[in-house]
Protein backbone atom coordinates (compact mmCIF):
# COMPACT_ATOMS: atom_id res chain seq x y z
CA UNK A 1 -39.14 -30.44 -5.21
CA UNK A 2 -35.74 -29.68 -3.90
CA UNK A 3 -35.49 -27.66 -0.50
CA UNK A 4 -33.67 -24.59 -0.51
CA UNK A 5 -31.76 -25.99 2.49
CA UNK A 6 -30.42 -28.94 0.57
CA UNK A 7 -29.10 -26.40 -2.23
CA UNK A 8 -27.26 -24.43 0.30
CA UNK A 9 -25.88 -27.53 1.92
CA UNK A 10 -24.45 -28.88 -1.32
CA UNK A 11 -23.23 -25.57 -2.42
CA UNK A 12 -21.19 -24.96 0.54
CA UNK A 13 -18.73 -27.83 -0.39
CA UNK A 14 -16.37 -27.18 -3.22
CA UNK A 15 -18.12 -28.74 -6.50
CA UNK A 16 -20.79 -30.61 -4.49
CA UNK A 17 -23.54 -28.74 -6.01
CA UNK A 18 -22.48 -29.87 -9.39
CA UNK A 19 -21.79 -33.36 -8.45
CA UNK A 20 -24.66 -34.01 -6.42
CA UNK A 21 -27.02 -33.62 -9.26
CA UNK A 22 -24.74 -35.01 -12.09
CA UNK A 23 -25.74 -38.59 -10.27
CA UNK A 24 -29.48 -37.84 -11.42
CA UNK A 25 -28.21 -36.93 -14.97
CA UNK A 26 -28.85 -33.45 -14.64
CA UNK A 27 -26.64 -31.07 -16.43
CA UNK A 28 -25.36 -27.57 -15.27
CA UNK A 29 -28.37 -25.98 -17.16
CA UNK A 30 -31.00 -28.14 -15.54
CA UNK A 31 -29.13 -27.49 -12.01
CA UNK A 32 -29.20 -23.66 -12.75
CA UNK A 33 -33.16 -23.87 -13.60
CA UNK A 34 -33.85 -25.63 -10.47
CA UNK A 35 -32.34 -23.84 -8.03
CA UNK A 36 -33.63 -20.45 -9.47
CA UNK A 37 -36.75 -21.88 -9.59
CA UNK A 38 -36.65 -22.78 -5.86
CA UNK A 39 -35.31 -19.72 -4.74
CA UNK A 40 -37.78 -17.79 -6.85
CA UNK A 41 -40.51 -20.11 -5.40
CA UNK A 42 -39.64 -19.42 -1.80
CA UNK A 43 -39.80 -15.59 -2.10
CA UNK A 44 -43.46 -15.04 -1.67
CA UNK A 45 -45.39 -12.79 0.46
CA UNK A 46 -46.40 -15.40 2.78
CA UNK A 47 -43.03 -17.47 2.75
CA UNK A 48 -40.21 -15.03 2.07
CA UNK A 49 -36.55 -16.31 2.23
CA UNK A 50 -34.94 -14.97 5.36
CA UNK A 51 -31.30 -15.25 5.23
CA UNK A 52 -28.94 -15.12 8.11
CA UNK A 53 -25.96 -12.67 7.75
CA UNK A 54 -22.84 -12.44 9.98
CA UNK A 55 -21.23 -9.05 9.23
CA UNK A 56 -17.87 -8.23 10.78
CA UNK A 57 -17.60 -4.53 11.55
CA UNK A 58 -20.33 -2.57 12.93
CA UNK A 59 -19.48 0.95 11.64
CA UNK A 60 -20.03 0.47 8.08
CA UNK A 61 -21.82 -2.96 8.41
CA UNK A 62 -24.61 -1.28 10.15
CA UNK A 63 -25.58 0.51 6.86
CA UNK A 64 -25.60 -2.94 4.95
CA UNK A 65 -27.46 -4.42 8.07
CA UNK A 66 -30.26 -1.64 7.80
CA UNK A 67 -30.64 -2.53 4.30
CA UNK A 68 -31.00 -6.31 5.07
CA UNK A 69 -33.34 -5.89 7.80
CA UNK A 70 -35.55 -3.46 5.79
CA UNK A 71 -35.82 -6.47 3.32
CA UNK A 72 -36.73 -9.06 6.38
CA UNK A 73 -33.38 -10.85 6.79
CA UNK A 74 -31.54 -11.11 10.05
CA UNK A 75 -28.10 -9.48 10.77
CA UNK A 76 -25.43 -10.28 13.55
CA UNK A 77 -22.91 -7.33 13.67
CA UNK A 78 -19.47 -8.26 15.14
CA UNK A 79 -17.71 -5.68 16.94
CA UNK A 80 -16.35 -4.83 20.50
CA UNK A 81 -18.17 -5.96 23.80
CA UNK A 82 -19.04 -2.60 24.79
CA UNK A 83 -20.20 -1.55 21.21
CA UNK A 84 -22.22 -4.75 21.12
CA UNK A 85 -24.05 -3.99 24.25
CA UNK A 86 -25.11 -0.43 22.98
CA UNK A 87 -26.56 -2.25 19.70
CA UNK A 88 -28.27 -4.84 21.59
CA UNK A 89 -29.86 -2.33 24.02
CA UNK A 90 -30.42 0.41 21.45
CA UNK A 91 -30.66 -1.03 18.05
CA UNK A 92 -28.87 0.81 15.17
CA UNK A 93 -29.98 4.11 13.60
CA UNK A 94 -28.82 5.06 10.23
CA UNK A 95 -29.36 8.52 8.76
CA UNK A 96 -29.81 9.06 5.36
CA UNK A 97 -30.54 11.69 2.37
CA UNK A 98 -33.69 10.60 0.47
CA UNK A 99 -34.27 12.03 -2.86
CA UNK A 100 -37.18 14.63 -2.87
CA UNK A 101 -37.01 15.28 0.90
CA UNK A 102 -34.99 17.85 2.67
CA UNK A 103 -32.75 16.84 5.63
CA UNK A 104 -31.90 13.27 6.53
CA UNK A 105 -34.13 10.43 7.35
CA UNK A 106 -33.56 8.31 10.26
CA UNK A 107 -34.12 4.60 10.00
CA UNK A 108 -34.20 2.68 13.47
CA UNK A 109 -33.76 -0.91 13.39
CA UNK A 110 -36.60 -1.58 15.71
CA UNK A 111 -38.94 -0.26 13.15
CA UNK A 112 -37.81 -2.97 10.72
CA UNK A 113 -39.01 -6.36 9.79
CA UNK A 114 -35.88 -8.04 10.16
CA UNK A 115 -33.54 -8.59 13.15
CA UNK A 116 -30.58 -7.32 14.49
CA UNK A 117 -28.09 -8.66 16.94
CA UNK A 118 -24.48 -7.99 17.91
CA UNK A 119 -21.67 -9.90 19.36
CA UNK A 120 -18.11 -9.84 19.99
CA UNK A 121 -15.67 -12.10 17.70
CA UNK A 122 -15.58 -14.75 20.16
CA UNK A 123 -19.17 -15.33 20.43
CA UNK A 124 -20.17 -16.03 16.91
CA UNK A 125 -20.19 -19.24 14.87
CA UNK A 126 -19.95 -18.49 11.11
CA UNK A 127 -21.45 -21.88 10.36
CA UNK A 128 -24.76 -20.83 11.58
CA UNK A 129 -25.01 -18.32 8.95
CA UNK A 130 -26.03 -18.20 5.23
CA UNK A 131 -23.61 -15.47 4.31
CA UNK A 132 -20.62 -13.69 6.07
CA UNK A 133 -19.78 -10.08 5.08
CA UNK A 134 -16.39 -8.70 5.77
CA UNK A 135 -16.90 -5.16 6.16
CA UNK A 136 -13.50 -3.83 7.90
CA UNK A 137 -10.61 -2.38 6.58
CA UNK A 138 -8.08 -5.26 5.68
CA UNK A 139 -5.36 -4.21 8.67
CA UNK A 140 -8.40 -4.69 11.02
CA UNK A 141 -8.63 -8.15 10.51
CA UNK A 142 -5.07 -8.97 12.36
CA UNK A 143 -6.55 -7.82 15.70
CA UNK A 144 -6.74 -10.22 18.61
CA UNK A 145 -10.16 -12.24 18.36
CA UNK A 146 -10.87 -10.91 15.08
CA UNK A 147 -8.14 -13.02 13.34
CA UNK A 148 -9.51 -16.34 14.88
CA UNK A 149 -12.66 -15.22 13.69
CA UNK A 150 -11.56 -14.97 10.04
CA UNK A 151 -10.12 -18.61 10.66
CA UNK A 152 -13.16 -19.83 11.71
CA UNK A 153 -15.12 -18.17 8.59
CA UNK A 154 -12.64 -19.68 6.11
CA UNK A 155 -13.17 -23.36 7.91
CA UNK A 156 -16.98 -22.92 7.90
CA UNK A 157 -17.32 -22.93 4.34
CA UNK A 158 -19.93 -20.33 4.24
CA UNK A 159 -19.76 -18.04 1.24
CA UNK A 160 -18.08 -14.54 2.18
CA UNK A 161 -18.50 -11.24 0.74
CA UNK A 162 -15.62 -8.52 1.42
CA UNK A 163 -16.82 -4.93 1.42
CA UNK A 164 -13.44 -3.46 1.10
CA UNK A 165 -11.38 -1.47 -1.09
CA UNK A 166 -8.72 -3.73 -0.97
CA UNK A 167 -9.71 -7.00 -2.77
CA UNK A 168 -8.67 -9.86 -0.57
CA UNK A 169 -6.05 -12.51 -1.80
CA UNK A 170 -8.78 -15.18 -2.44
CA UNK A 171 -10.72 -12.75 -4.60
CA UNK A 172 -7.62 -11.98 -6.48
CA UNK A 173 -6.93 -15.40 -7.43
CA UNK A 174 -10.24 -15.69 -9.21
CA UNK A 175 -8.82 -13.19 -12.00
CA UNK A 176 -7.20 -15.07 -14.61
CA UNK A 177 -3.50 -14.23 -15.28
CA UNK A 178 -2.89 -12.43 -11.98
CA UNK A 179 0.06 -13.41 -9.98
CA UNK A 180 -1.15 -13.16 -6.57
CA UNK A 181 2.39 -14.46 -4.88
CA UNK A 182 3.66 -10.95 -5.91
CA UNK A 183 0.86 -9.07 -4.43
CA UNK A 184 1.30 -10.57 -0.81
CA UNK A 185 3.44 -7.74 0.41
CA UNK A 186 0.46 -5.41 0.01
CA UNK A 187 -1.49 -7.02 2.89
CA UNK A 188 -0.51 -6.70 6.44
CA UNK A 189 -0.95 -10.47 7.30
CA UNK A 190 -1.48 -12.48 4.07
CA UNK A 191 -1.53 -15.88 5.57
CA UNK A 192 -4.72 -14.79 7.40
CA UNK A 193 -6.34 -15.51 3.78
CA UNK A 194 -4.74 -18.63 2.81
CA UNK A 195 -7.30 -20.75 3.95
CA UNK A 196 -10.18 -19.44 2.08
CA UNK A 197 -11.55 -21.31 -1.12
CA UNK A 198 -11.37 -18.48 -3.85
CA UNK A 199 -14.69 -19.99 -5.00
CA UNK A 200 -16.22 -18.71 -1.81
CA UNK A 201 -15.04 -15.34 -1.76
CA UNK A 202 -16.64 -12.45 -3.61
CA UNK A 203 -15.81 -8.58 -3.65
CA UNK A 204 -18.50 -5.65 -3.20
CA UNK A 205 -17.11 -2.21 -3.47
CA UNK A 206 -17.88 0.13 -0.72
CA UNK A 207 -19.19 2.88 -2.96
CA UNK A 208 -21.91 4.46 -0.43
CA UNK A 209 -20.11 6.94 1.92
CA UNK A 210 -20.82 6.92 5.49
CA UNK A 211 -19.49 7.97 8.81
CA UNK A 212 -20.09 7.66 12.67
CA UNK A 213 -20.99 11.47 13.86
CA UNK A 214 -18.56 11.86 16.82
CA UNK A 215 -21.07 13.43 19.05
CA UNK A 216 -23.24 10.04 18.72
CA UNK A 217 -23.18 6.66 20.29
CA UNK A 218 -21.37 4.17 17.93
CA UNK A 219 -24.76 2.49 16.92
CA UNK A 220 -25.57 5.81 14.80
CA UNK A 221 -24.52 6.20 11.43
CA UNK A 222 -24.81 8.88 8.92
CA UNK A 223 -24.93 8.41 4.97
CA UNK A 224 -23.10 11.08 2.92
CA UNK A 225 -22.98 9.78 -0.35
CA UNK A 226 -25.83 7.23 -0.89
CA UNK A 227 -24.90 5.35 -4.01
CA UNK A 228 -25.07 1.41 -4.52
CA UNK A 229 -23.04 -1.46 -3.18
CA UNK A 230 -21.57 -3.20 -6.40
CA UNK A 231 -21.06 -6.85 -5.86
CA UNK A 232 -19.42 -9.60 -8.18
CA UNK A 233 -21.17 -12.90 -8.60
CA UNK A 234 -19.59 -15.66 -6.79
CA UNK A 235 -18.03 -18.55 -8.63
CA UNK A 236 -21.14 -20.74 -7.76
CA UNK A 237 -24.49 -20.04 -9.25
CA UNK A 238 -26.43 -20.87 -5.99
CA UNK A 239 -24.49 -18.40 -3.97
CA UNK A 240 -24.76 -15.75 -6.70
CA UNK A 241 -28.78 -16.56 -6.62
CA UNK A 242 -28.72 -15.79 -2.72
CA UNK A 243 -27.16 -12.34 -3.73
CA UNK A 244 -29.69 -11.78 -6.38
CA UNK A 245 -32.13 -12.50 -3.98
CA UNK A 246 -30.66 -10.06 -1.55
CA UNK A 247 -30.46 -7.51 -4.29
CA UNK A 248 -34.38 -8.10 -5.08
CA UNK A 249 -35.53 -8.00 -1.67
CA UNK A 250 -33.67 -4.78 -1.13
CA UNK A 251 -34.94 -3.07 -4.27
CA UNK A 252 -38.57 -4.02 -3.39
CA UNK A 253 -38.23 -3.27 0.28
CA UNK A 254 -39.99 0.36 1.39
CA UNK A 255 -39.81 2.26 4.65
CA UNK A 256 -42.74 3.47 6.31
CA UNK A 257 -41.65 6.61 7.98
CA UNK A 258 -43.40 8.09 10.84
CA UNK A 259 -43.26 11.52 9.31
CA UNK A 260 -42.93 11.42 5.51
CA UNK A 261 -44.83 8.02 4.96
CA UNK A 262 -43.79 5.16 2.54
CA UNK A 263 -40.30 5.82 1.23
CA UNK A 264 -37.99 4.11 -1.16
CA UNK A 265 -34.45 4.42 0.59
CA UNK A 266 -31.39 4.71 -1.39
CA UNK A 267 -28.31 2.53 -1.29
CA UNK A 268 -29.03 -0.72 -3.04
CA UNK A 269 -27.27 -4.02 -3.54
CA UNK A 270 -26.34 -4.62 -7.27
CA UNK A 271 -24.97 -7.92 -8.26
CA UNK A 272 -22.91 -8.13 -11.64
CA UNK A 273 -21.52 -10.90 -13.56
CA UNK A 274 -18.05 -9.37 -14.12
CA UNK A 275 -15.25 -9.82 -11.53
CA UNK A 276 -13.94 -6.54 -12.53
CA UNK A 277 -16.85 -4.44 -11.64
CA UNK A 278 -15.86 -3.90 -7.73
CA UNK A 279 -12.34 -2.86 -9.24
CA UNK A 280 -13.89 0.32 -10.56
CA UNK A 281 -13.15 1.66 -7.24
CA UNK A 282 -9.39 1.60 -8.01
CA UNK A 283 -9.44 4.27 -10.45
CA UNK A 284 -11.55 6.46 -7.95
CA UNK A 285 -8.97 5.79 -5.03
CA UNK A 286 -5.85 6.46 -6.95
CA UNK A 287 -6.96 9.73 -8.80
CA UNK A 288 -8.50 11.02 -5.80
CA UNK A 289 -8.33 9.16 -2.04
CA UNK A 290 -4.49 8.38 -2.09
CA UNK A 291 -3.54 11.70 -3.78
CA UNK A 292 -4.88 13.54 -0.63
CA UNK A 293 -1.75 12.64 0.75
CA UNK A 294 0.67 15.15 0.45
CA UNK A 295 4.48 15.56 1.96
CA UNK A 296 3.57 17.91 4.89
CA UNK A 297 -0.35 17.65 5.05
CA UNK A 298 -3.42 16.49 3.59
CA UNK A 299 -5.95 17.75 1.25
CA UNK A 300 -9.44 17.11 0.42
CA UNK A 301 -10.59 14.76 -2.04
CA UNK A 302 -12.14 17.61 -4.40
CA UNK A 303 -8.77 19.35 -4.38
CA UNK A 304 -6.72 16.12 -5.12
CA UNK A 305 -9.17 15.46 -8.05
CA UNK A 306 -9.65 19.20 -9.32
CA UNK A 307 -6.47 20.80 -8.26
CA UNK A 308 -5.12 19.43 -11.50
CA UNK A 309 -7.83 17.94 -13.41
CA UNK A 310 -5.36 16.64 -16.27
CA UNK A 311 -3.20 14.76 -13.95
CA UNK A 312 -6.24 13.33 -12.23
CA UNK A 313 -7.77 12.15 -15.42
CA UNK A 314 -4.19 10.66 -16.46
CA UNK A 315 -4.28 8.63 -13.38
CA UNK A 316 -7.72 7.32 -13.55
CA UNK A 317 -7.52 6.43 -17.28
CA UNK A 318 -4.17 4.83 -16.59
CA UNK A 319 -5.82 2.59 -13.78
CA UNK A 320 -8.85 1.85 -15.80
CA UNK A 321 -6.54 0.67 -18.55
CA UNK A 322 -4.81 -1.62 -16.05
CA UNK A 323 -7.92 -3.48 -15.29
CA UNK A 324 -9.22 -3.67 -18.93
CA UNK A 325 -5.67 -5.58 -19.75
CA UNK A 326 -6.37 -7.91 -16.76
CA UNK A 327 -9.80 -8.69 -19.00
CA UNK A 328 -12.19 -6.03 -17.62
CA UNK A 329 -14.55 -4.53 -20.39
CA UNK A 330 -14.79 -0.63 -20.48
CA UNK A 331 -18.58 -0.66 -19.28
CA UNK A 332 -17.51 -2.25 -16.11
CA UNK A 333 -15.90 1.24 -15.08
CA UNK A 334 -17.30 4.79 -13.90
CA UNK A 335 -16.55 7.18 -16.68
CA UNK A 336 -14.13 10.02 -15.36
CA UNK A 337 -16.25 13.02 -15.78
CA UNK A 338 -19.21 11.13 -13.45
CA UNK A 339 -16.51 10.41 -11.09
CA UNK A 340 -15.03 14.06 -10.73
CA UNK A 341 -18.63 15.80 -10.63
CA UNK A 342 -19.17 13.49 -7.36
CA UNK A 343 -15.83 14.08 -5.94
CA UNK A 344 -16.66 17.94 -6.38
CA UNK A 345 -18.74 17.50 -3.10
CA UNK A 346 -16.20 15.71 -1.02
CA UNK A 347 -14.72 18.58 1.05
CA UNK A 348 -12.74 16.17 3.63
CA UNK A 349 -9.63 14.40 3.07
CA UNK A 350 -9.86 10.81 2.56
CA UNK A 351 -9.94 8.00 5.53
CA UNK A 352 -6.84 6.92 4.37
CA UNK A 353 -5.13 10.07 4.62
CA UNK A 354 -6.80 11.25 7.78
CA UNK A 355 -5.61 8.02 9.18
CA UNK A 356 -1.91 8.55 8.25
CA UNK A 357 -2.27 12.14 9.48
CA UNK A 358 -3.60 10.60 12.84
CA UNK A 359 -0.60 8.33 13.26
CA UNK A 360 -2.02 5.26 11.89
CA UNK A 361 0.99 2.72 11.22
CA UNK A 362 -1.15 0.49 8.77
CA UNK A 363 -3.69 1.37 6.20
CA UNK A 364 -5.12 -0.71 3.29
CA UNK A 365 -2.59 -0.39 0.51
CA UNK A 366 -4.54 -0.14 -2.70
CA UNK A 367 -2.04 2.45 -3.78
CA UNK A 368 0.71 -0.30 -3.44
CA UNK A 369 -1.31 -2.97 -5.00
CA UNK A 370 -2.32 -1.07 -8.14
CA UNK A 371 1.16 -0.27 -8.72
CA UNK A 372 2.39 -4.08 -8.31
CA UNK A 373 -0.38 -5.22 -10.73
CA UNK A 374 0.74 -2.51 -13.09
CA UNK A 375 4.35 -3.90 -12.88
CA UNK A 376 3.22 -7.42 -13.89
CA UNK A 377 1.82 -5.90 -17.19
CA UNK A 378 5.14 -4.00 -17.48
CA UNK A 379 3.44 -0.59 -16.76
CA UNK A 380 4.28 2.21 -14.35
CA UNK A 381 3.08 5.91 -14.11
CA UNK A 382 5.38 8.59 -12.21
CA UNK A 383 2.18 10.16 -10.52
CA UNK A 384 1.46 6.69 -9.11
CA UNK A 385 4.81 6.09 -7.85
CA UNK A 386 5.08 9.33 -6.17
CA UNK A 387 1.73 8.64 -4.17
CA UNK A 388 3.19 5.14 -3.35
CA UNK A 389 6.20 6.64 -2.13
CA UNK A 390 4.38 9.55 0.19
CA UNK A 391 2.17 7.04 1.79
CA UNK A 392 5.32 4.94 2.49
CA UNK A 393 6.91 8.01 4.06
CA UNK A 394 4.04 8.79 6.33
CA UNK A 395 3.82 4.99 7.54
CA UNK A 396 7.67 5.20 8.05
CA UNK A 397 7.40 8.24 10.08
CA UNK A 398 4.30 6.98 12.03
CA UNK A 399 6.05 3.78 13.16
CA UNK A 400 8.89 5.54 14.02
CA UNK A 401 7.40 7.85 16.42
């Protein structure tokens, strides 16, 4: 029987998985059957598969790490030295709403079957992990120390999943017909992503909303909207099988609360075949988050969406149409009414709007990306162009200050 470590090793090299078995006369269907059988066979109560996952970004990343540890996996968070010391000393704490229970349920990493470690960017070796997760905003990867780590991730050949609103350039290269050269100006440092093999990069939509309570230590995270992570499959079936293992383990895991007993916690990892599923966030961002940005001040997401519901739906439907014209299916995207209902509870401006109001000189430019992708299709929408112009205005002001 083939060992899981052999499968991982072969899959990390471009095309090695298929070529490694072709010599034995096995076609791709047989290869898929072997790898899925082996992966499923190792996922037993007595011998669970335990993955080592490196997560860049300890804030949002601590939510995913908690779900991974609950399923018995091992997570390493990359953060500043001082923050790493807090995590390594006190663990992580995630507070989240759970259906059927009042208030928030507190989940401490020390009570979970998996393990947690934190380290600064210079103290991790990506090649020691089974999966790398990029859970920071795109401009943050240009920070000293982090940019060098990104280079080591690319060189390691370890499959990488970005949990970002901004699809990174290697992932965009997986979308047929998309001309990524014209999209490079949307990125703070596009050269950072040139060394990545697109086949080793996937995207996960950061749908769950969480924040660090300002009065707490940085190892505490509070979940505001406990929706699911939606990840696209990797180009490799072997790497996708790993994601599906993580999906299944998180789905099956239960938390034994000292006060409430055994609980099924929200926030799952859902793996989809379509590369367009994570792009469903584009329409939400353009109809709500970026339209929080106004000429003089910022407005809450609920006001951006419901202040002029017809205009919001026009933007939303237009962005969905762009994704469908790229090759997506209507079923990949959330209906506007469902999004609008969820947005009614979002009483604060978006993180992008808050960052601009606080003087940020760089933010994720999904607004600009969507406008440039639309331009490749010969499309434009005045409301979107106005939003892009407002974001540019704030960035120009902040950079001049």
